[in-house]
PDB file of N, CA and C in Angstrom:
ATOM      1  N   MET A   1      68.865 115.357 119.154  1.00  0.00           N
ATOM      2  CA  MET A   1      68.740 115.852 117.793  1.00  0.00           C
ATOM      3  C   MET A   1      69.936 115.368 116.975  1.00  0.00           C
ATOM      4  N   ALA A   2      69.658 114.676 115.901  1.00  0.00           N
ATOM      5  CA  ALA A   2      70.706 114.141 115.044  1.00  0.00           C
ATOM      6  C   ALA A   2      71.251 115.224 114.127  1.00  0.00           C
ATOM      7  N   SER A   3      72.573 115.200 113.949  1.00  0.00           N
ATOM      8  CA  SER A   3      73.167 116.188 113.044  1.00  0.00           C
ATOM      9  C   SER A   3      73.291 115.573 111.655  1.00  0.00           C
ATOM     10  N   ARG A   4      73.278 116.402 110.660  1.00  0.00           N
ATOM     11  CA  ARG A   4      73.388 115.947 109.276  1.00  0.00           C
ATOM     12  C   ARG A   4      74.850 115.806 108.885  1.00  0.00           C
ATOM     13  N   LEU A   5      75.092 114.858 107.995  1.00  0.00           N
ATOM     14  CA  LEU A   5      76.442 114.693 107.477  1.00  0.00           C
ATOM     15  C   LEU A   5      76.752 115.803 106.482  1.00  0.00           C
ATOM     16  N   THR A   6      77.956 116.313 106.575  1.00  0.00           N
ATOM     17  CA  THR A   6      78.379 117.357 105.656  1.00  0.00           C
ATOM     18  C   THR A   6      79.145 116.716 104.496  1.00  0.00           C
ATOM     19  N   PRO A   7      79.346 117.445 103.430  1.00  0.00           N
ATOM     20  CA  PRO A   7      80.163 116.905 102.336  1.00  0.00           C
ATOM     21  C   PRO A   7      81.572 116.528 102.802  1.00  0.00           C
ATOM     22  N   LEU A   8      82.110 117.243 103.762  1.00  0.00           N
ATOM     23  CA  LEU A   8      83.433 116.921 104.285  1.00  0.00           C
ATOM     24  C   LEU A   8      83.414 115.560 104.980  1.00  0.00           C
ATOM     25  N   ASP A   9      82.354 115.259 105.727  1.00  0.00           N
ATOM     26  CA  ASP A   9      82.216 113.947 106.370  1.00  0.00           C
ATOM     27  C   ASP A   9      82.228 112.843 105.320  1.00  0.00           C
ATOM     28  N   PHE A  10      81.535 113.046 104.240  1.00  0.00           N
ATOM     29  CA  PHE A  10      81.474 112.063 103.164  1.00  0.00           C
ATOM     30  C   PHE A  10      82.850 111.845 102.535  1.00  0.00           C
ATOM     31  N   VAL A  11      83.576 112.927 102.288  1.00  0.00           N
ATOM     32  CA  VAL A  11      84.902 112.835 101.671  1.00  0.00           C
ATOM     33  C   VAL A  11      85.864 112.093 102.605  1.00  0.00           C
ATOM     34  N   VAL A  12      85.827 112.397 103.885  1.00  0.00           N
ATOM     35  CA  VAL A  12      86.710 111.733 104.844  1.00  0.00           C
ATOM     36  C   VAL A  12      86.399 110.240 104.889  1.00  0.00           C
ATOM     37  N   ALA A  13      85.132 109.873 104.949  1.00  0.00           N
ATOM     38  CA  ALA A  13      84.744 108.463 104.973  1.00  0.00           C
ATOM     39  C   ALA A  13      85.194 107.761 103.699  1.00  0.00           C
ATOM     40  N   LEU A  14      85.048 108.414 102.566  1.00  0.00           N
ATOM     41  CA  LEU A  14      85.464 107.837 101.294  1.00  0.00           C
ATOM     42  C   LEU A  14      86.978 107.609 101.264  1.00  0.00           C
ATOM     43  N   LEU A  15      87.745 108.547 101.786  1.00  0.00           N
ATOM     44  CA  LEU A  15      89.199 108.398 101.824  1.00  0.00           C
ATOM     45  C   LEU A  15      89.624 107.249 102.750  1.00  0.00           C
ATOM     46  N   VAL A  16      88.950 107.105 103.864  1.00  0.00           N
ATOM     47  CA  VAL A  16      89.268 106.012 104.778  1.00  0.00           C
ATOM     48  C   VAL A  16      88.996 104.665 104.110  1.00  0.00           C
ATOM     49  N   VAL A  17      87.852 104.536 103.473  1.00  0.00           N
ATOM     50  CA  VAL A  17      87.512 103.280 102.793  1.00  0.00           C
ATOM     51  C   VAL A  17      88.500 103.007 101.659  1.00  0.00           C
ATOM     52  N   ALA A  18      88.846 104.021 100.897  1.00  0.00           N
ATOM     53  CA  ALA A  18      89.799 103.847  99.797  1.00  0.00           C
ATOM     54  C   ALA A  18      91.166 103.412 100.329  1.00  0.00           C
ATOM     55  N   GLY A  19      91.590 103.966 101.456  1.00  0.00           N
ATOM     56  CA  GLY A  19      92.862 103.585 102.060  1.00  0.00           C
ATOM     57  C   GLY A  19      92.869 102.135 102.481  1.00  0.00           C
ATOM     58  N   ILE A  20      91.772 101.671 103.068  1.00  0.00           N
ATOM     59  CA  ILE A  20      91.680 100.278 103.499  1.00  0.00           C
ATOM     60  C   ILE A  20      91.707  99.346 102.299  1.00  0.00           C
ATOM     61  N   VAL A  21      90.972  99.693 101.260  1.00  0.00           N
ATOM     62  CA  VAL A  21      90.948  98.865 100.046  1.00  0.00           C
ATOM     63  C   VAL A  21      92.337  98.798  99.428  1.00  0.00           C
ATOM     64  N   LEU A  22      93.032  99.906  99.342  1.00  0.00           N
ATOM     65  CA  LEU A  22      94.381  99.912  98.766  1.00  0.00           C
ATOM     66  C   LEU A  22      95.353  99.109  99.613  1.00  0.00           C
ATOM     67  N   MET A  23      95.217  99.184 100.926  1.00  0.00           N
ATOM     68  CA  MET A  23      96.106  98.443 101.810  1.00  0.00           C
ATOM     69  C   MET A  23      95.994  96.944 101.547  1.00  0.00           C
ATOM     70  N   PHE A  24      94.778  96.431 101.433  1.00  0.00           N
ATOM     71  CA  PHE A  24      94.598  95.010 101.185  1.00  0.00           C
ATOM     72  C   PHE A  24      94.922  94.639  99.748  1.00  0.00           C
ATOM     73  N   ALA A  25      94.703  95.533  98.807  1.00  0.00           N
ATOM     74  CA  ALA A  25      95.009  95.249  97.404  1.00  0.00           C
ATOM     75  C   ALA A  25      96.510  95.123  97.186  1.00  0.00           C
ATOM     76  N   ARG A  26      97.302  95.828  97.967  1.00  0.00           N
ATOM     77  CA  ARG A  26      98.753  95.779  97.832  1.00  0.00           C
ATOM     78  C   ARG A  26      99.369  94.637  98.605  1.00  0.00           C
ATOM     79  N   GLY A  27      98.573  93.879  99.338  1.00  0.00           N
ATOM     80  CA  GLY A  27      99.101  92.728 100.046  1.00  0.00           C
ATOM     81  C   GLY A  27      99.590  93.019 101.445  1.00  0.00           C
ATOM     82  N   HIS A  28      99.145  94.103 102.061  1.00  0.00           N
ATOM     83  CA  HIS A  28      99.573  94.408 103.415  1.00  0.00           C
ATOM     84  C   HIS A  28      98.575  93.914 104.447  1.00  0.00           C
ATOM     85  N   GLY A  29      97.683  93.035 104.045  1.00  0.00           N
ATOM     86  CA  GLY A  29      96.700  92.493 104.970  1.00  0.00           C
ATOM     87  C   GLY A  29      97.279  91.364 105.788  1.00  0.00           C
ATOM     88  N   HIS A  30      96.486  90.796 106.615  1.00  0.00           N
ATOM     89  CA  HIS A  30      96.900  89.714 107.490  1.00  0.00           C
ATOM     90  C   HIS A  30      97.397  88.527 106.673  1.00  0.00           C
ATOM     91  N   GLY A  31      98.574  88.059 106.984  1.00  0.00           N
ATOM     92  CA  GLY A  31      99.123  86.881 106.323  1.00  0.00           C
ATOM     93  C   GLY A  31      99.781  87.137 104.984  1.00  0.00           C
ATOM     94  N   ALA A  32      99.898  88.399 104.580  1.00  0.00           N
ATOM     95  CA  ALA A  32     100.485  88.688 103.280  1.00  0.00           C
ATOM     96  C   ALA A  32     101.973  88.350 103.251  1.00  0.00           C
ATOM     97  N   HIS A  33     102.648  88.576 104.347  1.00  0.00           N
ATOM     98  CA  HIS A  33     104.075  88.304 104.420  1.00  0.00           C
ATOM     99  C   HIS A  33     104.303  87.307 105.552  1.00  0.00           C
ATOM    100  N   ALA A  34     104.230  86.044 105.229  1.00  0.00           N
ATOM    101  CA  ALA A  34     104.398  85.007 106.247  1.00  0.00           C
ATOM    102  C   ALA A  34     105.839  85.006 106.730  1.00  0.00           C
ATOM    103  N   ILE A  35     106.008  84.922 108.024  1.00  0.00           N
ATOM    104  CA  ILE A  35     107.332  84.835 108.611  1.00  0.00           C
ATOM    105  C   ILE A  35     107.583  83.364 108.921  1.00  0.00           C
ATOM    106  N   LEU A  36     108.572  82.808 108.261  1.00  0.00           N
ATOM    107  CA  LEU A  36     108.895  81.402 108.446  1.00  0.00           C
ATOM    108  C   LEU A  36     110.128  81.275 109.332  1.00  0.00           C
ATOM    109  N   ALA A  37     110.184  80.209 110.074  1.00  0.00           N
ATOM    110  CA  ALA A  37     111.326  79.976 110.950  1.00  0.00           C
ATOM    111  C   ALA A  37     112.592  79.764 110.134  1.00  0.00           C
ATOM    112  N   ASP A  38     113.677  80.360 110.584  1.00  0.00           N
ATOM    113  CA  ASP A  38     114.986  80.163 109.977  1.00  0.00           C
ATOM    114  C   ASP A  38     115.641  78.988 110.709  1.00  0.00           C
ATOM    115  N   PRO A  39     115.854  77.858 110.036  1.00  0.00           N
ATOM    116  CA  PRO A  39     116.391  76.685 110.731  1.00  0.00           C
ATOM    117  C   PRO A  39     117.770  76.911 111.348  1.00  0.00           C
ATOM    118  N   VAL A  40     118.523  77.899 110.856  1.00  0.00           N
ATOM    119  CA  VAL A  40     119.835  78.193 111.429  1.00  0.00           C
ATOM    120  C   VAL A  40     119.677  78.906 112.770  1.00  0.00           C
ATOM    121  N   ARG A  41     118.704  79.799 112.851  1.00  0.00           N
ATOM    122  CA  ARG A  41     118.498  80.601 114.066  1.00  0.00           C
ATOM    123  C   ARG A  41     117.480  80.006 115.025  1.00  0.00           C
ATOM    124  N   THR A  42     116.625  79.147 114.533  1.00  0.00           N
ATOM    125  CA  THR A  42     115.556  78.590 115.351  1.00  0.00           C
ATOM    126  C   THR A  42     115.747  77.085 115.479  1.00  0.00           C
ATOM    127  N   PRO A  43     116.227  76.622 116.633  1.00  0.00           N
ATOM    128  CA  PRO A  43     116.425  75.184 116.779  1.00  0.00           C
ATOM    129  C   PRO A  43     115.095  74.452 116.872  1.00  0.00           C
ATOM    130  N   GLY A  44     115.137  73.174 116.601  1.00  0.00           N
ATOM    131  CA  GLY A  44     113.927  72.369 116.688  1.00  0.00           C
ATOM    132  C   GLY A  44     113.516  71.874 115.318  1.00  0.00           C
ATOM    133  N   VAL A  45     112.420  71.171 115.301  1.00  0.00           N
ATOM    134  CA  VAL A  45     111.918  70.617 114.048  1.00  0.00           C
ATOM    135  C   VAL A  45     110.444  70.955 113.910  1.00  0.00           C
ATOM    136  N   LEU A  46     109.969  70.931 112.690  1.00  0.00           N
ATOM    137  CA  LEU A  46     108.548  71.129 112.446  1.00  0.00           C
ATOM    138  C   LEU A  46     107.812  69.826 112.731  1.00  0.00           C
ATOM    139  N   ASN A  47     106.606  69.945 113.225  1.00  0.00           N
ATOM    140  CA  ASN A  47     105.795  68.767 113.505  1.00  0.00           C
ATOM    141  C   ASN A  47     104.867  68.543 112.319  1.00  0.00           C
ATOM    142  N   PRO A  48     105.071  67.482 111.547  1.00  0.00           N
ATOM    143  CA  PRO A  48     104.236  67.237 110.376  1.00  0.00           C
ATOM    144  C   PRO A  48     102.789  66.884 110.737  1.00  0.00           C
ATOM    145  N   ASP A  49     102.545  66.571 112.021  1.00  0.00           N
ATOM    146  CA  ASP A  49     101.176  66.256 112.447  1.00  0.00           C
ATOM    147  C   ASP A  49     100.310  67.498 112.582  1.00  0.00           C
ATOM    148  N   VAL A  50     100.937  68.693 112.597  1.00  0.00           N
ATOM    149  CA  VAL A  50     100.193  69.943 112.764  1.00  0.00           C
ATOM    150  C   VAL A  50     100.072  70.625 111.409  1.00  0.00           C
ATOM    151  N   THR A  51      98.836  70.858 110.986  1.00  0.00           N
ATOM    152  CA  THR A  51      98.566  71.557 109.735  1.00  0.00           C
ATOM    153  C   THR A  51      97.551  72.658 109.997  1.00  0.00           C
ATOM    154  N   GLN A  52      97.343  73.521 109.029  1.00  0.00           N
ATOM    155  CA  GLN A  52      96.327  74.571 109.187  1.00  0.00           C
ATOM    156  C   GLN A  52      94.951  73.970 109.406  1.00  0.00           C
ATOM    157  N   SER A  53      94.676  72.855 108.788  1.00  0.00           N
ATOM    158  CA  SER A  53      93.334  72.280 108.887  1.00  0.00           C
ATOM    159  C   SER A  53      93.060  71.614 110.236  1.00  0.00           C
ATOM    160  N   ASN A  54      94.121  71.217 110.970  1.00  0.00           N
ATOM    161  CA  ASN A  54      93.863  70.566 112.256  1.00  0.00           C
ATOM    162  C   ASN A  54      94.433  71.323 113.454  1.00  0.00           C
ATOM    163  N   ILE A  55      94.802  72.563 113.254  1.00  0.00           N
ATOM    164  CA  ILE A  55      95.475  73.328 114.306  1.00  0.00           C
ATOM    165  C   ILE A  55      94.616  73.497 115.565  1.00  0.00           C
ATOM    166  N   ARG A  56      93.302  73.574 115.405  1.00  0.00           N
ATOM    167  CA  ARG A  56      92.435  73.728 116.581  1.00  0.00           C
ATOM    168  C   ARG A  56      92.406  72.477 117.449  1.00  0.00           C
ATOM    169  N   SER A  57      92.605  71.332 116.847  1.00  0.00           N
ATOM    170  CA  SER A  57      92.587  70.099 117.631  1.00  0.00           C
ATOM    171  C   SER A  57      93.991  69.674 118.057  1.00  0.00           C
ATOM    172  N   THR A  58      95.007  70.412 117.627  1.00  0.00           N
ATOM    173  CA  THR A  58      96.371  70.067 118.035  1.00  0.00           C
ATOM    174  C   THR A  58      96.902  71.155 118.971  1.00  0.00           C
ATOM    175  N   ILE A  59      97.670  72.085 118.473  1.00  0.00           N
ATOM    176  CA  ILE A  59      98.350  73.034 119.362  1.00  0.00           C
ATOM    177  C   ILE A  59      97.428  74.022 120.048  1.00  0.00           C
ATOM    178  N   CYS A  60      96.228  74.196 119.556  1.00  0.00           N
ATOM    179  CA  CYS A  60      95.285  75.120 120.199  1.00  0.00           C
ATOM    180  C   CYS A  60      94.399  74.410 121.223  1.00  0.00           C
ATOM    181  N   ARG A  61      94.818  73.263 121.680  1.00  0.00           N
ATOM    182  CA  ARG A  61      94.055  72.499 122.673  1.00  0.00           C
ATOM    183  C   ARG A  61      94.857  72.453 123.964  1.00  0.00           C
ATOM    184  N   SER A  62      94.212  72.691 125.069  1.00  0.00           N
ATOM    185  CA  SER A  62      94.868  72.673 126.366  1.00  0.00           C
ATOM    186  C   SER A  62      95.506  71.306 126.616  1.00  0.00           C
ATOM    187  N   GLY A  63      96.775  71.314 127.002  1.00  0.00           N
ATOM    188  CA  GLY A  63      97.469  70.079 127.315  1.00  0.00           C
ATOM    189  C   GLY A  63      98.165  69.415 126.152  1.00  0.00           C
ATOM    190  N   TRP A  64      98.018  69.945 124.943  1.00  0.00           N
ATOM    191  CA  TRP A  64      98.609  69.284 123.777  1.00  0.00           C
ATOM    192  C   TRP A  64     100.129  69.260 123.827  1.00  0.00           C
ATOM    193  N   THR A  65     100.756  70.332 124.296  1.00  0.00           N
ATOM    194  CA  THR A  65     102.219  70.357 124.295  1.00  0.00           C
ATOM    195  C   THR A  65     102.815  69.281 125.189  1.00  0.00           C
ATOM    196  N   ALA A  66     102.100  68.893 126.240  1.00  0.00           N
ATOM    197  CA  ALA A  66     102.603  67.817 127.104  1.00  0.00           C
ATOM    198  C   ALA A  66     102.680  66.488 126.350  1.00  0.00           C
ATOM    199  N   THR A  67     101.915  66.341 125.304  1.00  0.00           N
ATOM    200  CA  THR A  67     101.937  65.093 124.537  1.00  0.00           C
ATOM    201  C   THR A  67     103.114  65.056 123.558  1.00  0.00           C
ATOM    202  N   THR A  68     103.781  66.176 123.352  1.00  0.00           N
ATOM    203  CA  THR A  68     104.871  66.227 122.386  1.00  0.00           C
ATOM    204  C   THR A  68     106.236  66.283 123.037  1.00  0.00           C
ATOM    205  N   ARG A  69     106.289  66.419 124.348  1.00  0.00           N
ATOM    206  CA  ARG A  69     107.588  66.504 125.037  1.00  0.00           C
ATOM    207  C   ARG A  69     108.255  65.147 125.090  1.00  0.00           C
ATOM    208  N   THR A  70     109.586  65.147 125.007  1.00  0.00           N
ATOM    209  CA  THR A  70     110.318  63.884 125.070  1.00  0.00           C
ATOM    210  C   THR A  70     111.129  63.801 126.335  1.00  0.00           C
TER     211      THR A  70
END
């Protein structure tokens, strides 16, 4: 037997949805605050061959790091 939703259930659901919308509207979603490497604290260099558009065929491919070692 299915139970009916109460007005309280509706209000709680509405508050949850409103909270999620506000969170993303304020920029707290995924990627809102990119963390970039600090060259003073993080040794190494960036690889110009790796971009967002080709990341699946570069670093996200098994064995790729072996091709970049010196």
